Amino acid sequence: MSMKEKALILDKAGIDRALTRIAHEILEKNKGAKDLALIGIQRGGVHLANRLADKIKGIEGVTAPVGSLDITMYRDDLATRTSQPVPKTTEITFDVQGKEIILVDDVFFTGRTIRAALNSIMDYGRPQRIQLAVLVDRGHRELPIRADFIGKNLPTSSQEQVEVMLAEDGVDEKVVIVEE
């Protein structure tokens, strides 16, 4: 089954503008970068967390630590999947205790990935607060979770898929809707 591109949602410049806005919103809501740390969900969320940290440093002059989080073992669908996902790296080299954590993901869909990420982060300590930043919120929530910072709200059908393609993965940068 092959997927075809149905619509271009954000190009490279659009992604950059959305991340710049999110960085400013994060700083405004948190009254600066004091005690901020970013944790990106593998894969795309890690790239976006690094970009947000760079933007925050450019705006505020503060280097916020960045970690990466693999939620594979926290998924609630492991027993029902036909193929098992391959775990990636979790790397959180800072103490989360008392930090203002910005959890970063590329596409926000049902909320199940975020629930798994929250459970995983709690294994590392008790942050002061966890806020969620996503590049694209496509709706279809199955859990009562909402994003604090959103690059683009994108109503979709459940048959559509949203793909975030980033230069860090060696592809042309864009966000697209694809379908079978």
C-alpha atoms as a PDB file:
ATOM      1  CA  MET A   1       0.000   0.000   0.000  1.00  0.00           C
ATOM      2  CA  SER A   2       1.571   3.272  -1.081  1.00  0.00           C
ATOM      3  CA  MET A   3       0.842   6.679   0.318  1.00  0.00           C
ATOM      4  CA  LYS A   4       0.413   9.778  -1.808  1.00  0.00           C
ATOM      5  CA  GLU A   5       0.809  13.372  -0.777  1.00  0.00           C
ATOM      6  CA  LYS A   6      -2.607  15.003  -0.564  1.00  0.00           C
ATOM      7  CA  ALA A   7      -1.784  18.483   0.732  1.00  0.00           C
ATOM      8  CA  LEU A   8       1.202  20.588   1.754  1.00  0.00           C
ATOM      9  CA  ILE A   9       0.492  22.080   5.187  1.00  0.00           C
ATOM     10  CA  LEU A  10       3.779  23.765   6.115  1.00  0.00           C
ATOM     11  CA  ASP A  11       6.932  24.317   4.096  1.00  0.00           C
ATOM     12  CA  LYS A  12      10.398  24.881   5.595  1.00  0.00           C
ATOM     13  CA  ALA A  13       9.726  28.586   6.247  1.00  0.00           C
ATOM     14  CA  GLY A  14       6.330  27.794   7.783  1.00  0.00           C
ATOM     15  CA  ILE A  15       7.883  25.260  10.161  1.00  0.00           C
ATOM     16  CA  ASP A  16      10.508  27.809  11.192  1.00  0.00           C
ATOM     17  CA  ARG A  17       7.889  30.527  11.802  1.00  0.00           C
ATOM     18  CA  ALA A  18       5.770  28.133  13.892  1.00  0.00           C
ATOM     19  CA  LEU A  19       8.781  27.145  16.027  1.00  0.00           C
ATOM     20  CA  THR A  20       9.787  30.796  16.518  1.00  0.00           C
ATOM     21  CA  ARG A  21       6.267  31.600  17.718  1.00  0.00           C
ATOM     22  CA  ILE A  22       6.221  28.565  20.043  1.00  0.00           C
ATOM     23  CA  ALA A  23       9.592  29.598  21.525  1.00  0.00           C
ATOM     24  CA  HIS A  24       8.249  33.094  22.271  1.00  0.00           C
ATOM     25  CA  GLU A  25       5.059  31.629  23.788  1.00  0.00           C
ATOM     26  CA  ILE A  26       7.090  29.283  26.006  1.00  0.00           C
ATOM     27  CA  LEU A  27       9.201  32.167  27.277  1.00  0.00           C
ATOM     28  CA  GLU A  28       6.158  34.370  27.844  1.00  0.00           C
ATOM     29  CA  LYS A  29       4.210  31.704  29.745  1.00  0.00           C
ATOM     30  CA  ASN A  30       7.231  30.752  31.874  1.00  0.00           C
ATOM     31  CA  LYS A  31       8.436  34.347  32.380  1.00  0.00           C
ATOM     32  CA  GLY A  32      11.791  33.535  30.785  1.00  0.00           C
ATOM     33  CA  ALA A  33      13.961  30.439  30.551  1.00  0.00           C
ATOM     34  CA  LYS A  34      14.776  29.910  34.240  1.00  0.00           C
ATOM     35  CA  ASP A  35      14.474  26.202  35.153  1.00  0.00           C
ATOM     36  CA  LEU A  36      13.300  25.287  31.621  1.00  0.00           C
ATOM     37  CA  ALA A  37      14.291  21.955  30.111  1.00  0.00           C
ATOM     38  CA  LEU A  38      13.045  20.428  26.869  1.00  0.00           C
ATOM     39  CA  ILE A  39      12.408  16.739  26.248  1.00  0.00           C
ATOM     40  CA  GLY A  40      11.687  15.595  22.714  1.00  0.00           C
ATOM     41  CA  ILE A  41       9.789  12.397  21.982  1.00  0.00           C
ATOM     42  CA  GLN A  42      11.726  10.166  19.587  1.00  0.00           C
ATOM     43  CA  ARG A  43      12.176  10.917  16.623  1.00  0.00           C
ATOM     44  CA  GLY A  44      10.707  14.124  15.303  1.00  0.00           C
ATOM     45  CA  GLY A  45      10.111  15.608  18.733  1.00  0.00           C
ATOM     46  CA  VAL A  46      13.837  15.403  19.500  1.00  0.00           C
ATOM     47  CA  HIS A  47      14.755  17.432  16.405  1.00  0.00           C
ATOM     48  CA  LEU A  48      12.083  20.005  17.236  1.00  0.00           C
ATOM     49  CA  ALA A  49      13.175  20.227  20.899  1.00  0.00           C
ATOM     50  CA  ASN A  50      16.736  20.990  19.778  1.00  0.00           C
ATOM     51  CA  ARG A  51      15.483  23.685  17.415  1.00  0.00           C
ATOM     52  CA  LEU A  52      13.314  25.222  20.141  1.00  0.00           C
ATOM     53  CA  ALA A  53      16.291  25.249  22.532  1.00  0.00           C
ATOM     54  CA  ASP A  54      18.330  27.094  19.874  1.00  0.00           C
ATOM     55  CA  LYS A  55      15.550  29.641  19.404  1.00  0.00           C
ATOM     56  CA  ILE A  56      15.186  30.139  23.162  1.00  0.00           C
ATOM     57  CA  LYS A  57      18.940  30.695  23.426  1.00  0.00           C
ATOM     58  CA  GLY A  58      18.762  33.233  20.585  1.00  0.00           C
ATOM     59  CA  ILE A  59      15.913  35.131  22.249  1.00  0.00           C
ATOM     60  CA  GLU A  60      16.829  34.848  25.922  1.00  0.00           C
ATOM     61  CA  GLY A  61      20.549  34.021  25.856  1.00  0.00           C
ATOM     62  CA  VAL A  62      19.948  30.966  28.065  1.00  0.00           C
ATOM     63  CA  THR A  63      20.854  27.414  27.079  1.00  0.00           C
ATOM     64  CA  ALA A  64      18.040  25.111  28.191  1.00  0.00           C
ATOM     65  CA  PRO A  65      19.008  21.438  28.508  1.00  0.00           C
ATOM     66  CA  VAL A  66      17.484  19.078  25.951  1.00  0.00           C
ATOM     67  CA  GLY A  67      16.738  15.393  26.406  1.00  0.00           C
ATOM     68  CA  SER A  68      15.325  12.668  24.199  1.00  0.00           C
ATOM     69  CA  LEU A  69      12.638  10.233  25.240  1.00  0.00           C
ATOM     70  CA  ASP A  70      11.692   6.847  23.827  1.00  0.00           C
ATOM     71  CA  ILE A  71       8.212   5.765  24.926  1.00  0.00           C
ATOM     72  CA  THR A  72       8.210   2.311  23.307  1.00  0.00           C
ATOM     73  CA  MET A  73       8.029   0.337  26.550  1.00  0.00           C
ATOM     74  CA  TYR A  74       5.288   2.635  27.912  1.00  0.00           C
ATOM     75  CA  ARG A  75       2.923   2.121  24.965  1.00  0.00           C
ATOM     76  CA  ASP A  76      -0.506   0.688  25.748  1.00  0.00           C
ATOM     77  CA  ASP A  77      -0.758  -1.212  22.456  1.00  0.00           C
ATOM     78  CA  LEU A  78       2.321  -3.471  22.588  1.00  0.00           C
ATOM     79  CA  ALA A  79       0.260  -6.645  23.042  1.00  0.00           C
ATOM     80  CA  THR A  80      -2.051  -5.856  20.113  1.00  0.00           C
ATOM     81  CA  ARG A  81       0.541  -4.799  17.509  1.00  0.00           C
ATOM     82  CA  THR A  82       1.322  -7.142  14.624  1.00  0.00           C
ATOM     83  CA  SER A  83       4.941  -5.944  14.549  1.00  0.00           C
ATOM     84  CA  GLN A  84       6.844  -4.829  17.599  1.00  0.00           C
ATOM     85  CA  PRO A  85       8.409  -1.348  17.528  1.00  0.00           C
ATOM     86  CA  VAL A  86      12.176  -1.043  17.854  1.00  0.00           C
ATOM     87  CA  PRO A  87      13.166   0.953  20.960  1.00  0.00           C
ATOM     88  CA  LYS A  88      15.245   4.080  20.398  1.00  0.00           C
ATOM     89  CA  THR A  89      17.410   6.041  22.806  1.00  0.00           C
ATOM     90  CA  THR A  90      16.248   7.853  25.913  1.00  0.00           C
ATOM     91  CA  GLU A  91      18.811  10.388  27.011  1.00  0.00           C
ATOM     92  CA  ILE A  92      17.957  12.683  29.896  1.00  0.00           C
ATOM     93  CA  THR A  93      21.254  13.875  31.354  1.00  0.00           C
ATOM     94  CA  PHE A  94      19.779  16.514  33.668  1.00  0.00           C
ATOM     95  CA  ASP A  95      17.769  16.263  36.865  1.00  0.00           C
ATOM     96  CA  VAL A  96      14.066  16.755  36.091  1.00  0.00           C
ATOM     97  CA  GLN A  97      13.284  17.437  39.755  1.00  0.00           C
ATOM     98  CA  GLY A  98      11.730  20.899  40.078  1.00  0.00           C
ATOM     99  CA  LYS A  99      12.205  21.737  36.377  1.00  0.00           C
ATOM    100  CA  GLU A 100       9.680  23.299  34.046  1.00  0.00           C
ATOM    101  CA  ILE A 101       9.667  20.543  31.416  1.00  0.00           C
ATOM    102  CA  ILE A 102       8.562  21.307  27.880  1.00  0.00           C
ATOM    103  CA  LEU A 103       7.617  17.977  26.298  1.00  0.00           C
ATOM    104  CA  VAL A 104       7.945  18.265  22.503  1.00  0.00           C
ATOM    105  CA  ASP A 105       6.367  16.135  19.783  1.00  0.00           C
ATOM    106  CA  ASP A 106       5.837  16.586  16.066  1.00  0.00           C
ATOM    107  CA  VAL A 107       2.218  15.415  15.625  1.00  0.00           C
ATOM    108  CA  PHE A 108      -0.398  15.321  18.403  1.00  0.00           C
ATOM    109  CA  PHE A 109      -3.150  12.813  17.628  1.00  0.00           C
ATOM    110  CA  THR A 110      -4.958  10.555  20.129  1.00  0.00           C
ATOM    111  CA  GLY A 111      -2.947  11.554  23.204  1.00  0.00           C
ATOM    112  CA  ARG A 112      -1.692   8.033  23.885  1.00  0.00           C
ATOM    113  CA  THR A 113       1.930   8.850  23.005  1.00  0.00           C
ATOM    114  CA  ILE A 114       1.825  11.813  25.385  1.00  0.00           C
ATOM    115  CA  ARG A 115       0.351   9.663  28.170  1.00  0.00           C
ATOM    116  CA  ALA A 116       3.209   7.198  27.704  1.00  0.00           C
ATOM    117  CA  ALA A 117       5.736  10.065  27.723  1.00  0.00           C
ATOM    118  CA  LEU A 118       4.324  11.484  30.954  1.00  0.00           C
ATOM    119  CA  ASN A 119       4.630   8.091  32.633  1.00  0.00           C
ATOM    120  CA  SER A 120       8.208   7.758  31.405  1.00  0.00           C
ATOM    121  CA  ILE A 121       9.263  11.229  32.600  1.00  0.00           C
ATOM    122  CA  MET A 122       7.903  10.515  36.080  1.00  0.00           C
ATOM    123  CA  ASP A 123      10.376   7.613  36.316  1.00  0.00           C
ATOM    124  CA  TYR A 124      13.132  10.267  36.245  1.00  0.00           C
ATOM    125  CA  GLY A 125      11.750  12.423  39.059  1.00  0.00           C
ATOM    126  CA  ARG A 126       9.063  14.966  39.810  1.00  0.00           C
ATOM    127  CA  PRO A 127       9.173  18.068  37.611  1.00  0.00           C
ATOM    128  CA  GLN A 128       7.632  21.313  38.822  1.00  0.00           C
ATOM    129  CA  ARG A 129       5.377  21.233  35.757  1.00  0.00           C
ATOM    130  CA  ILE A 130       5.194  19.562  32.354  1.00  0.00           C
ATOM    131  CA  GLN A 131       3.926  21.556  29.379  1.00  0.00           C
ATOM    132  CA  LEU A 132       3.316  20.171  25.906  1.00  0.00           C
ATOM    133  CA  ALA A 133       4.554  21.766  22.684  1.00  0.00           C
ATOM    134  CA  VAL A 134       3.566  20.228  19.343  1.00  0.00           C
ATOM    135  CA  LEU A 135       4.206  21.291  15.775  1.00  0.00           C
ATOM    136  CA  VAL A 136       0.854  19.928  14.521  1.00  0.00           C
ATOM    137  CA  ASP A 137      -2.335  19.156  16.463  1.00  0.00           C
ATOM    138  CA  ARG A 138      -4.567  17.052  14.224  1.00  0.00           C
ATOM    139  CA  GLY A 139      -7.353  16.327  16.727  1.00  0.00           C
ATOM    140  CA  HIS A 140      -9.015  12.929  17.351  1.00  0.00           C
ATOM    141  CA  ARG A 141      -8.160  12.836  21.069  1.00  0.00           C
ATOM    142  CA  GLU A 142      -8.870   9.609  22.939  1.00  0.00           C
ATOM    143  CA  LEU A 143      -7.509  10.875  26.263  1.00  0.00           C
ATOM    144  CA  PRO A 144      -8.139  14.171  28.082  1.00  0.00           C
ATOM    145  CA  ILE A 145      -4.787  15.728  27.190  1.00  0.00           C
ATOM    146  CA  ARG A 146      -4.246  19.102  25.514  1.00  0.00           C
ATOM    147  CA  ALA A 147      -1.228  20.921  24.136  1.00  0.00           C
ATOM    148  CA  ASP A 148      -0.009  24.164  25.715  1.00  0.00           C
ATOM    149  CA  PHE A 149       1.840  25.326  22.588  1.00  0.00           C
ATOM    150  CA  ILE A 150       0.701  24.476  19.049  1.00  0.00           C
ATOM    151  CA  GLY A 151       2.389  25.346  15.777  1.00  0.00           C
ATOM    152  CA  LYS A 152      -0.581  24.451  13.566  1.00  0.00           C
ATOM    153  CA  ASN A 153      -4.098  23.183  14.319  1.00  0.00           C
ATOM    154  CA  LEU A 154      -4.998  20.831  11.500  1.00  0.00           C
ATOM    155  CA  PRO A 155      -8.413  19.160  11.389  1.00  0.00           C
ATOM    156  CA  THR A 156      -8.024  15.799   9.635  1.00  0.00           C
ATOM    157  CA  SER A 157     -10.059  12.706   8.971  1.00  0.00           C
ATOM    158  CA  SER A 158      -9.052   9.552  10.795  1.00  0.00           C
ATOM    159  CA  GLN A 159      -8.110   7.981   7.426  1.00  0.00           C
ATOM    160  CA  GLU A 160      -5.535  10.671   6.700  1.00  0.00           C
ATOM    161  CA  GLN A 161      -1.998  10.701   8.048  1.00  0.00           C
ATOM    162  CA  VAL A 162       0.151  13.701   8.833  1.00  0.00           C
ATOM    163  CA  GLU A 163       3.847  13.410   8.075  1.00  0.00           C
ATOM    164  CA  VAL A 164       6.428  15.805   9.411  1.00  0.00           C
ATOM    165  CA  MET A 165       9.593  15.623   7.327  1.00  0.00           C
ATOM    166  CA  LEU A 166      12.647  17.330   8.772  1.00  0.00           C
ATOM    167  CA  ALA A 167      16.063  18.140   7.324  1.00  0.00           C
ATOM    168  CA  GLU A 168      17.738  16.238  10.196  1.00  0.00           C
ATOM    169  CA  ASP A 169      16.377  13.041   8.609  1.00  0.00           C
ATOM    170  CA  GLY A 170      17.900  13.908   5.229  1.00  0.00           C
ATOM    171  CA  VAL A 171      14.657  14.885   3.472  1.00  0.00           C
ATOM    172  CA  ASP A 172      13.099  18.084   2.142  1.00  0.00           C
ATOM    173  CA  GLU A 173      11.502  19.843   5.053  1.00  0.00           C
ATOM    174  CA  LYS A 174       7.696  20.017   5.095  1.00  0.00           C
ATOM    175  CA  VAL A 175       4.499  18.907   6.777  1.00  0.00           C
ATOM    176  CA  VAL A 176       2.041  17.087   4.526  1.00  0.00           C
ATOM    177  CA  ILE A 177      -1.206  15.152   4.676  1.00  0.00           C
ATOM    178  CA  VAL A 178      -0.906  11.771   2.989  1.00  0.00           C
ATOM    179  CA  GLU A 179      -3.492   9.131   2.144  1.00  0.00           C
ATOM    180  CA  GLU A 180      -3.587   5.665   0.612  1.00  0.00           C
END
